[in-house]
Amino acid sequence: MNRTFIWGHRGAGFIGVQNTIPSFQNAINMGVDGIKTEAQLSKDNEVILSFYKNLRINGEGLLINKLNLDEIKKYKLEVGPKP
């Protein structure tokens, strides 16, 4: 292969919220060749796209594998400091 392959890391995580459909769409719109993401399993074995094993909620780190999907969905995704 004689060309550079451009990855959208967590979509276009530097614009908006990483690991979300809008982030992936932004990366596609920018012309990436592929998308790289990471995943964790919730307590009820649902796939959660997150590099981090915990969510930062009210300043506290809660392990994704200790939360079920309904509990995770209660929280708003935001751009901010990494946990």
PDB file of N, CA and C in Angstrom:
ATOM      1  N   MET A   1       0.862  -1.170   0.000  1.00  0.00           N
ATOM      2  CA  MET A   1       0.000   0.000   0.000  1.00  0.00           C
ATOM      3  C   MET A   1       0.909   1.234   0.000  1.00  0.00           C
ATOM      4  N   ASN A   2       0.717   2.098  -0.941  1.00  0.00           N
ATOM      5  CA  ASN A   2       1.581   3.256  -1.101  1.00  0.00           C
ATOM      6  C   ASN A   2       0.908   4.563  -0.738  1.00  0.00           C
ATOM      7  N   ARG A   3      -0.009   4.533   0.198  1.00  0.00           N
ATOM      8  CA  ARG A   3      -0.648   5.777   0.627  1.00  0.00           C
ATOM      9  C   ARG A   3      -0.907   5.743   2.123  1.00  0.00           C
ATOM     10  N   THR A   4      -1.089   6.898   2.678  1.00  0.00           N
ATOM     11  CA  THR A   4      -1.382   7.004   4.105  1.00  0.00           C
ATOM     12  C   THR A   4      -2.856   6.727   4.338  1.00  0.00           C
ATOM     13  N   PHE A   5      -3.152   5.912   5.310  1.00  0.00           N
ATOM     14  CA  PHE A   5      -4.529   5.601   5.703  1.00  0.00           C
ATOM     15  C   PHE A   5      -4.906   6.545   6.835  1.00  0.00           C
ATOM     16  N   ILE A   6      -5.974   7.291   6.686  1.00  0.00           N
ATOM     17  CA  ILE A   6      -6.404   8.281   7.679  1.00  0.00           C
ATOM     18  C   ILE A   6      -7.522   7.699   8.542  1.00  0.00           C
ATOM     19  N   TRP A   7      -7.246   7.641   9.860  1.00  0.00           N
ATOM     20  CA  TRP A   7      -8.224   7.133  10.821  1.00  0.00           C
ATOM     21  C   TRP A   7      -8.938   8.289  11.508  1.00  0.00           C
ATOM     22  N   GLY A   8     -10.219   8.138  11.738  1.00  0.00           N
ATOM     23  CA  GLY A   8     -10.978   9.036  12.601  1.00  0.00           C
ATOM     24  C   GLY A   8     -10.938   8.445  14.000  1.00  0.00           C
ATOM     25  N   HIS A   9     -10.052   8.960  14.846  1.00  0.00           N
ATOM     26  CA  HIS A   9      -9.877   8.409  16.184  1.00  0.00           C
ATOM     27  C   HIS A   9     -11.044   8.808  17.074  1.00  0.00           C
ATOM     28  N   ARG A  10     -11.835   7.834  17.489  1.00  0.00           N
ATOM     29  CA  ARG A  10     -13.083   8.066  18.237  1.00  0.00           C
ATOM     30  C   ARG A  10     -14.019   8.956  17.428  1.00  0.00           C
ATOM     31  N   GLY A  11     -13.980   8.769  16.123  1.00  0.00           N
ATOM     32  CA  GLY A  11     -14.709   9.631  15.198  1.00  0.00           C
ATOM     33  C   GLY A  11     -13.868  10.853  14.943  1.00  0.00           C
ATOM     34  N   ALA A  12     -14.453  11.994  15.129  1.00  0.00           N
ATOM     35  CA  ALA A  12     -13.713  13.267  15.096  1.00  0.00           C
ATOM     36  C   ALA A  12     -13.792  13.818  16.512  1.00  0.00           C
ATOM     37  N   GLY A  13     -13.188  13.105  17.442  1.00  0.00           N
ATOM     38  CA  GLY A  13     -13.312  13.384  18.867  1.00  0.00           C
ATOM     39  C   GLY A  13     -12.852  14.756  19.307  1.00  0.00           C
ATOM     40  N   PHE A  14     -12.081  15.428  18.449  1.00  0.00           N
ATOM     41  CA  PHE A  14     -11.635  16.773  18.788  1.00  0.00           C
ATOM     42  C   PHE A  14     -12.713  17.808  18.477  1.00  0.00           C
ATOM     43  N   ILE A  15     -13.793  17.366  17.844  1.00  0.00           N
ATOM     44  CA  ILE A  15     -14.947  18.231  17.562  1.00  0.00           C
ATOM     45  C   ILE A  15     -16.158  17.567  18.213  1.00  0.00           C
ATOM     46  N   GLY A  16     -16.729  18.183  19.219  1.00  0.00           N
ATOM     47  CA  GLY A  16     -17.901  17.590  19.862  1.00  0.00           C
ATOM     48  C   GLY A  16     -17.543  16.456  20.800  1.00  0.00           C
ATOM     49  N   VAL A  17     -18.463  15.525  20.959  1.00  0.00           N
ATOM     50  CA  VAL A  17     -18.310  14.421  21.918  1.00  0.00           C
ATOM     51  C   VAL A  17     -17.782  13.191  21.184  1.00  0.00           C
ATOM     52  N   GLN A  18     -16.636  12.679  21.644  1.00  0.00           N
ATOM     53  CA  GLN A  18     -16.034  11.506  21.004  1.00  0.00           C
ATOM     54  C   GLN A  18     -16.895  10.266  21.196  1.00  0.00           C
ATOM     55  N   ASN A  19     -16.700   9.296  20.306  1.00  0.00           N
ATOM     56  CA  ASN A  19     -17.392   8.002  20.361  1.00  0.00           C
ATOM     57  C   ASN A  19     -18.911   8.131  20.277  1.00  0.00           C
ATOM     58  N   THR A  20     -19.386   9.093  19.493  1.00  0.00           N
ATOM     59  CA  THR A  20     -20.825   9.255  19.272  1.00  0.00           C
ATOM     60  C   THR A  20     -21.099   9.216  17.767  1.00  0.00           C
ATOM     61  N   ILE A  21     -22.336   8.951  17.400  1.00  0.00           N
ATOM     62  CA  ILE A  21     -22.709   8.934  15.983  1.00  0.00           C
ATOM     63  C   ILE A  21     -22.354  10.268  15.311  1.00  0.00           C
ATOM     64  N   PRO A  22     -22.672  11.442  15.936  1.00  0.00           N
ATOM     65  CA  PRO A  22     -22.266  12.702  15.296  1.00  0.00           C
ATOM     66  C   PRO A  22     -20.749  12.813  15.096  1.00  0.00           C
ATOM     67  N   SER A  23     -19.965  12.305  16.043  1.00  0.00           N
ATOM     68  CA  SER A  23     -18.515  12.332  15.904  1.00  0.00           C
ATOM     69  C   SER A  23     -18.063  11.439  14.747  1.00  0.00           C
ATOM     70  N   PHE A  24     -18.654  10.263  14.624  1.00  0.00           N
ATOM     71  CA  PHE A  24     -18.315   9.378  13.509  1.00  0.00           C
ATOM     72  C   PHE A  24     -18.722  10.014  12.185  1.00  0.00           C
ATOM     73  N   GLN A  25     -19.894  10.647  12.161  1.00  0.00           N
ATOM     74  CA  GLN A  25     -20.354  11.286  10.925  1.00  0.00           C
ATOM     75  C   GLN A  25     -19.439  12.448  10.542  1.00  0.00           C
ATOM     76  N   ASN A  26     -18.993  13.232  11.526  1.00  0.00           N
ATOM     77  CA  ASN A  26     -18.051  14.321  11.242  1.00  0.00           C
ATOM     78  C   ASN A  26     -16.778  13.777  10.612  1.00  0.00           C
ATOM     79  N   ALA A  27     -16.276  12.668  11.138  1.00  0.00           N
ATOM     80  CA  ALA A  27     -15.063  12.064  10.591  1.00  0.00           C
ATOM     81  C   ALA A  27     -15.288  11.602   9.150  1.00  0.00           C
ATOM     82  N   ILE A  28     -16.429  10.979   8.903  1.00  0.00           N
ATOM     83  CA  ILE A  28     -16.757  10.537   7.544  1.00  0.00           C
ATOM     84  C   ILE A  28     -16.834  11.741   6.616  1.00  0.00           C
ATOM     85  N   ASN A  29     -17.488  12.809   7.067  1.00  0.00           N
ATOM     86  CA  ASN A  29     -17.603  14.021   6.254  1.00  0.00           C
ATOM     87  C   ASN A  29     -16.241  14.643   5.950  1.00  0.00           C
ATOM     88  N   MET A  30     -15.272  14.431   6.839  1.00  0.00           N
ATOM     89  CA  MET A  30     -13.908  14.933   6.625  1.00  0.00           C
ATOM     90  C   MET A  30     -13.120  14.059   5.661  1.00  0.00           C
ATOM     91  N   GLY A  31     -13.667  12.891   5.346  1.00  0.00           N
ATOM     92  CA  GLY A  31     -13.029  12.029   4.365  1.00  0.00           C
ATOM     93  C   GLY A  31     -12.085  10.976   4.915  1.00  0.00           C
ATOM     94  N   VAL A  32     -12.262  10.573   6.175  1.00  0.00           N
ATOM     95  CA  VAL A  32     -11.385   9.537   6.740  1.00  0.00           C
ATOM     96  C   VAL A  32     -11.575   8.212   6.000  1.00  0.00           C
ATOM     97  N   ASP A  33     -10.565   7.366   6.097  1.00  0.00           N
ATOM     98  CA  ASP A  33     -10.628   6.040   5.486  1.00  0.00           C
ATOM     99  C   ASP A  33     -11.258   5.002   6.413  1.00  0.00           C
ATOM    100  N   GLY A  34     -11.229   5.265   7.703  1.00  0.00           N
ATOM    101  CA  GLY A  34     -11.785   4.337   8.680  1.00  0.00           C
ATOM    102  C   GLY A  34     -11.946   5.027  10.023  1.00  0.00           C
ATOM    103  N   ILE A  35     -12.644   4.363  10.920  1.00  0.00           N
ATOM    104  CA  ILE A  35     -12.896   4.923  12.251  1.00  0.00           C
ATOM    105  C   ILE A  35     -12.368   3.945  13.298  1.00  0.00           C
ATOM    106  N   LYS A  36     -11.701   4.483  14.305  1.00  0.00           N
ATOM    107  CA  LYS A  36     -11.189   3.696  15.414  1.00  0.00           C
ATOM    108  C   LYS A  36     -11.961   4.093  16.666  1.00  0.00           C
ATOM    109  N   THR A  37     -12.376   3.117  17.426  1.00  0.00           N
ATOM    110  CA  THR A  37     -13.069   3.386  18.679  1.00  0.00           C
ATOM    111  C   THR A  37     -12.688   2.308  19.691  1.00  0.00           C
ATOM    112  N   GLU A  38     -13.114   2.473  20.907  1.00  0.00           N
ATOM    113  CA  GLU A  38     -12.883   1.501  21.965  1.00  0.00           C
ATOM    114  C   GLU A  38     -14.225   1.192  22.614  1.00  0.00           C
ATOM    115  N   ALA A  39     -14.321   0.019  23.229  1.00  0.00           N
ATOM    116  CA  ALA A  39     -15.598  -0.373  23.822  1.00  0.00           C
ATOM    117  C   ALA A  39     -15.398  -1.018  25.185  1.00  0.00           C
ATOM    118  N   GLN A  40     -16.402  -0.852  26.022  1.00  0.00           N
ATOM    119  CA  GLN A  40     -16.479  -1.482  27.342  1.00  0.00           C
ATOM    120  C   GLN A  40     -17.839  -2.189  27.415  1.00  0.00           C
ATOM    121  N   LEU A  41     -17.961  -3.142  28.305  1.00  0.00           N
ATOM    122  CA  LEU A  41     -19.254  -3.791  28.538  1.00  0.00           C
ATOM    123  C   LEU A  41     -19.878  -3.257  29.821  1.00  0.00           C
ATOM    124  N   SER A  42     -21.180  -2.956  29.740  1.00  0.00           N
ATOM    125  CA  SER A  42     -21.914  -2.532  30.928  1.00  0.00           C
ATOM    126  C   SER A  42     -22.223  -3.761  31.794  1.00  0.00           C
ATOM    127  N   LYS A  43     -22.794  -3.503  32.948  1.00  0.00           N
ATOM    128  CA  LYS A  43     -23.165  -4.573  33.889  1.00  0.00           C
ATOM    129  C   LYS A  43     -24.099  -5.592  33.232  1.00  0.00           C
ATOM    130  N   ASP A  44     -24.982  -5.111  32.333  1.00  0.00           N
ATOM    131  CA  ASP A  44     -25.917  -5.998  31.655  1.00  0.00           C
ATOM    132  C   ASP A  44     -25.422  -6.408  30.257  1.00  0.00           C
ATOM    133  N   ASN A  45     -24.085  -6.342  30.075  1.00  0.00           N
ATOM    134  CA  ASN A  45     -23.412  -6.809  28.857  1.00  0.00           C
ATOM    135  C   ASN A  45     -23.804  -6.054  27.587  1.00  0.00           C
ATOM    136  N   GLU A  46     -24.130  -4.782  27.725  1.00  0.00           N
ATOM    137  CA  GLU A  46     -24.346  -3.928  26.563  1.00  0.00           C
ATOM    138  C   GLU A  46     -23.010  -3.273  26.199  1.00  0.00           C
ATOM    139  N   VAL A  47     -22.781  -3.069  24.913  1.00  0.00           N
ATOM    140  CA  VAL A  47     -21.539  -2.458  24.453  1.00  0.00           C
ATOM    141  C   VAL A  47     -21.638  -0.942  24.623  1.00  0.00           C
ATOM    142  N   ILE A  48     -20.662  -0.354  25.325  1.00  0.00           N
ATOM    143  CA  ILE A  48     -20.586   1.080  25.560  1.00  0.00           C
ATOM    144  C   ILE A  48     -19.297   1.567  24.908  1.00  0.00           C
ATOM    145  N   LEU A  49     -19.399   2.538  23.996  1.00  0.00           N
ATOM    146  CA  LEU A  49     -18.207   3.050  23.339  1.00  0.00           C
ATOM    147  C   LEU A  49     -17.524   4.054  24.244  1.00  0.00           C
ATOM    148  N   SER A  50     -16.424   3.644  24.812  1.00  0.00           N
ATOM    149  CA  SER A  50     -15.646   4.488  25.710  1.00  0.00           C
ATOM    150  C   SER A  50     -14.257   3.894  25.858  1.00  0.00           C
ATOM    151  N   PHE A  51     -13.240   4.744  25.761  1.00  0.00           N
ATOM    152  CA  PHE A  51     -11.876   4.304  26.035  1.00  0.00           C
ATOM    153  C   PHE A  51     -11.715   4.038  27.526  1.00  0.00           C
ATOM    154  N   TYR A  52     -12.335   4.890  28.324  1.00  0.00           N
ATOM    155  CA  TYR A  52     -12.194   4.821  29.771  1.00  0.00           C
ATOM    156  C   TYR A  52     -13.081   3.741  30.370  1.00  0.00           C
ATOM    157  N   LYS A  53     -12.597   3.093  31.419  1.00  0.00           N
ATOM    158  CA  LYS A  53     -13.375   2.058  32.093  1.00  0.00           C
ATOM    159  C   LYS A  53     -14.389   2.649  33.061  1.00  0.00           C
ATOM    160  N   ASN A  54     -14.318   3.971  33.265  1.00  0.00           N
ATOM    161  CA  ASN A  54     -15.293   4.597  34.162  1.00  0.00           C
ATOM    162  C   ASN A  54     -15.879   5.845  33.537  1.00  0.00           C
ATOM    163  N   LEU A  55     -17.003   6.257  34.093  1.00  0.00           N
ATOM    164  CA  LEU A  55     -17.646   7.517  33.727  1.00  0.00           C
ATOM    165  C   LEU A  55     -17.441   8.470  34.888  1.00  0.00           C
ATOM    166  N   ARG A  56     -17.144   9.704  34.579  1.00  0.00           N
ATOM    167  CA  ARG A  56     -16.985  10.719  35.625  1.00  0.00           C
ATOM    168  C   ARG A  56     -18.359  11.353  35.813  1.00  0.00           C
ATOM    169  N   ILE A  57     -18.985  11.093  36.964  1.00  0.00           N
ATOM    170  CA  ILE A  57     -20.330  11.575  37.265  1.00  0.00           C
ATOM    171  C   ILE A  57     -20.281  12.321  38.587  1.00  0.00           C
ATOM    172  N   ASN A  58     -20.606  13.622  38.529  1.00  0.00           N
ATOM    173  CA  ASN A  58     -20.552  14.474  39.724  1.00  0.00           C
ATOM    174  C   ASN A  58     -19.203  14.370  40.431  1.00  0.00           C
ATOM    175  N   GLY A  59     -18.135  14.339  39.634  1.00  0.00           N
ATOM    176  CA  GLY A  59     -16.792  14.294  40.189  1.00  0.00           C
ATOM    177  C   GLY A  59     -16.341  12.925  40.653  1.00  0.00           C
ATOM    178  N   GLU A  60     -17.199  11.936  40.527  1.00  0.00           N
ATOM    179  CA  GLU A  60     -16.889  10.587  40.984  1.00  0.00           C
ATOM    180  C   GLU A  60     -16.750   9.657  39.783  1.00  0.00           C
ATOM    181  N   GLY A  61     -15.741   8.813  39.785  1.00  0.00           N
ATOM    182  CA  GLY A  61     -15.574   7.838  38.721  1.00  0.00           C
ATOM    183  C   GLY A  61     -16.351   6.574  39.022  1.00  0.00           C
ATOM    184  N   LEU A  62     -17.314   6.254  38.183  1.00  0.00           N
ATOM    185  CA  LEU A  62     -18.114   5.037  38.351  1.00  0.00           C
ATOM    186  C   LEU A  62     -17.749   4.056  37.246  1.00  0.00           C
ATOM    187  N   LEU A  63     -17.428   2.835  37.607  1.00  0.00           N
ATOM    188  CA  LEU A  63     -17.049   1.828  36.624  1.00  0.00           C
ATOM    189  C   LEU A  63     -18.223   1.481  35.715  1.00  0.00           C
ATOM    190  N   ILE A  64     -17.971   1.495  34.413  1.00  0.00           N
ATOM    191  CA  ILE A  64     -19.006   1.168  33.436  1.00  0.00           C
ATOM    192  C   ILE A  64     -19.529  -0.242  33.662  1.00  0.00           C
ATOM    193  N   ASN A  65     -18.649  -1.177  34.005  1.00  0.00           N
ATOM    194  CA  ASN A  65     -19.109  -2.560  34.178  1.00  0.00           C
ATOM    195  C   ASN A  65     -19.916  -2.768  35.459  1.00  0.00           C
ATOM    196  N   LYS A  66     -20.072  -1.722  36.260  1.00  0.00           N
ATOM    197  CA  LYS A  66     -20.912  -1.794  37.467  1.00  0.00           C
ATOM    198  C   LYS A  66     -22.251  -1.079  37.255  1.00  0.00           C
ATOM    199  N   LEU A  67     -22.443  -0.481  36.069  1.00  0.00           N
ATOM    200  CA  LEU A  67     -23.678   0.238  35.728  1.00  0.00           C
ATOM    201  C   LEU A  67     -24.389  -0.493  34.605  1.00  0.00           C
ATOM    202  N   ASN A  68     -25.736  -0.537  34.656  1.00  0.00           N
ATOM    203  CA  ASN A  68     -26.458  -1.111  33.531  1.00  0.00           C
ATOM    204  C   ASN A  68     -26.759  -0.005  32.512  1.00  0.00           C
ATOM    205  N   LEU A  69     -27.215  -0.392  31.335  1.00  0.00           N
ATOM    206  CA  LEU A  69     -27.433   0.562  30.255  1.00  0.00           C
ATOM    207  C   LEU A  69     -28.418   1.653  30.647  1.00  0.00           C
ATOM    208  N   ASP A  70     -29.494   1.307  31.330  1.00  0.00           N
ATOM    209  CA  ASP A  70     -30.478   2.320  31.742  1.00  0.00           C
ATOM    210  C   ASP A  70     -29.850   3.348  32.678  1.00  0.00           C
ATOM    211  N   GLU A  71     -28.963   2.914  33.569  1.00  0.00           N
ATOM    212  CA  GLU A  71     -28.280   3.855  34.464  1.00  0.00           C
ATOM    213  C   GLU A  71     -27.350   4.776  33.670  1.00  0.00           C
ATOM    214  N   ILE A  72     -26.641   4.219  32.712  1.00  0.00           N
ATOM    215  CA  ILE A  72     -25.715   5.005  31.893  1.00  0.00           C
ATOM    216  C   ILE A  72     -26.471   6.036  31.061  1.00  0.00           C
ATOM    217  N   LYS A  73     -27.616   5.657  30.507  1.00  0.00           N
ATOM    218  CA  LYS A  73     -28.396   6.556  29.656  1.00  0.00           C
ATOM    219  C   LYS A  73     -28.942   7.773  30.400  1.00  0.00           C
ATOM    220  N   LYS A  74     -28.955   7.750  31.711  1.00  0.00           N
ATOM    221  CA  LYS A  74     -29.464   8.877  32.497  1.00  0.00           C
ATOM    222  C   LYS A  74     -28.541  10.095  32.423  1.00  0.00           C
ATOM    223  N   TYR A  75     -27.283   9.876  32.017  1.00  0.00           N
ATOM    224  CA  TYR A  75     -26.294  10.942  32.050  1.00  0.00           C
ATOM    225  C   TYR A  75     -26.059  11.543  30.678  1.00  0.00           C
ATOM    226  N   LYS A  76     -25.893  12.852  30.651  1.00  0.00           N
ATOM    227  CA  LYS A  76     -25.639  13.588  29.420  1.00  0.00           C
ATOM    228  C   LYS A  76     -24.155  13.486  29.072  1.00  0.00           C
ATOM    229  N   LEU A  77     -23.875  13.212  27.801  1.00  0.00           N
ATOM    230  CA  LEU A  77     -22.495  13.193  27.336  1.00  0.00           C
ATOM    231  C   LEU A  77     -22.030  14.622  27.121  1.00  0.00           C
ATOM    232  N   GLU A  78     -20.841  14.920  27.577  1.00  0.00           N
ATOM    233  CA  GLU A  78     -20.312  16.277  27.422  1.00  0.00           C
ATOM    234  C   GLU A  78     -18.860  16.220  27.005  1.00  0.00           C
ATOM    235  N   VAL A  79     -18.423  17.292  26.395  1.00  0.00           N
ATOM    236  CA  VAL A  79     -17.008  17.473  26.108  1.00  0.00           C
ATOM    237  C   VAL A  79     -16.398  18.059  27.362  1.00  0.00           C
ATOM    238  N   GLY A  80     -15.306  17.523  27.809  1.00  0.00           N
ATOM    239  CA  GLY A  80     -14.690  18.064  29.017  1.00  0.00           C
ATOM    240  C   GLY A  80     -13.437  17.310  29.373  1.00  0.00           C
ATOM    241  N   PRO A  81     -12.932  17.548  30.578  1.00  0.00           N
ATOM    242  CA  PRO A  81     -11.719  16.868  30.995  1.00  0.00           C
ATOM    243  C   PRO A  81     -11.898  15.364  31.013  1.00  0.00           C
ATOM    244  N   LYS A  82     -10.850  14.654  30.718  1.00  0.00           N
ATOM    245  CA  LYS A  82     -10.887  13.196  30.722  1.00  0.00           C
ATOM    246  C   LYS A  82     -10.923  12.683  32.159  1.00  0.00           C
ATOM    247  N   PRO A  83     -11.666  11.558  32.395  1.00  0.00           N
ATOM    248  CA  PRO A  83     -11.712  11.004  33.765  1.00  0.00           C
ATOM    249  C   PRO A  83     -10.378  10.475  34.216  1.00  0.00           C
TER     250      PRO A  83
END
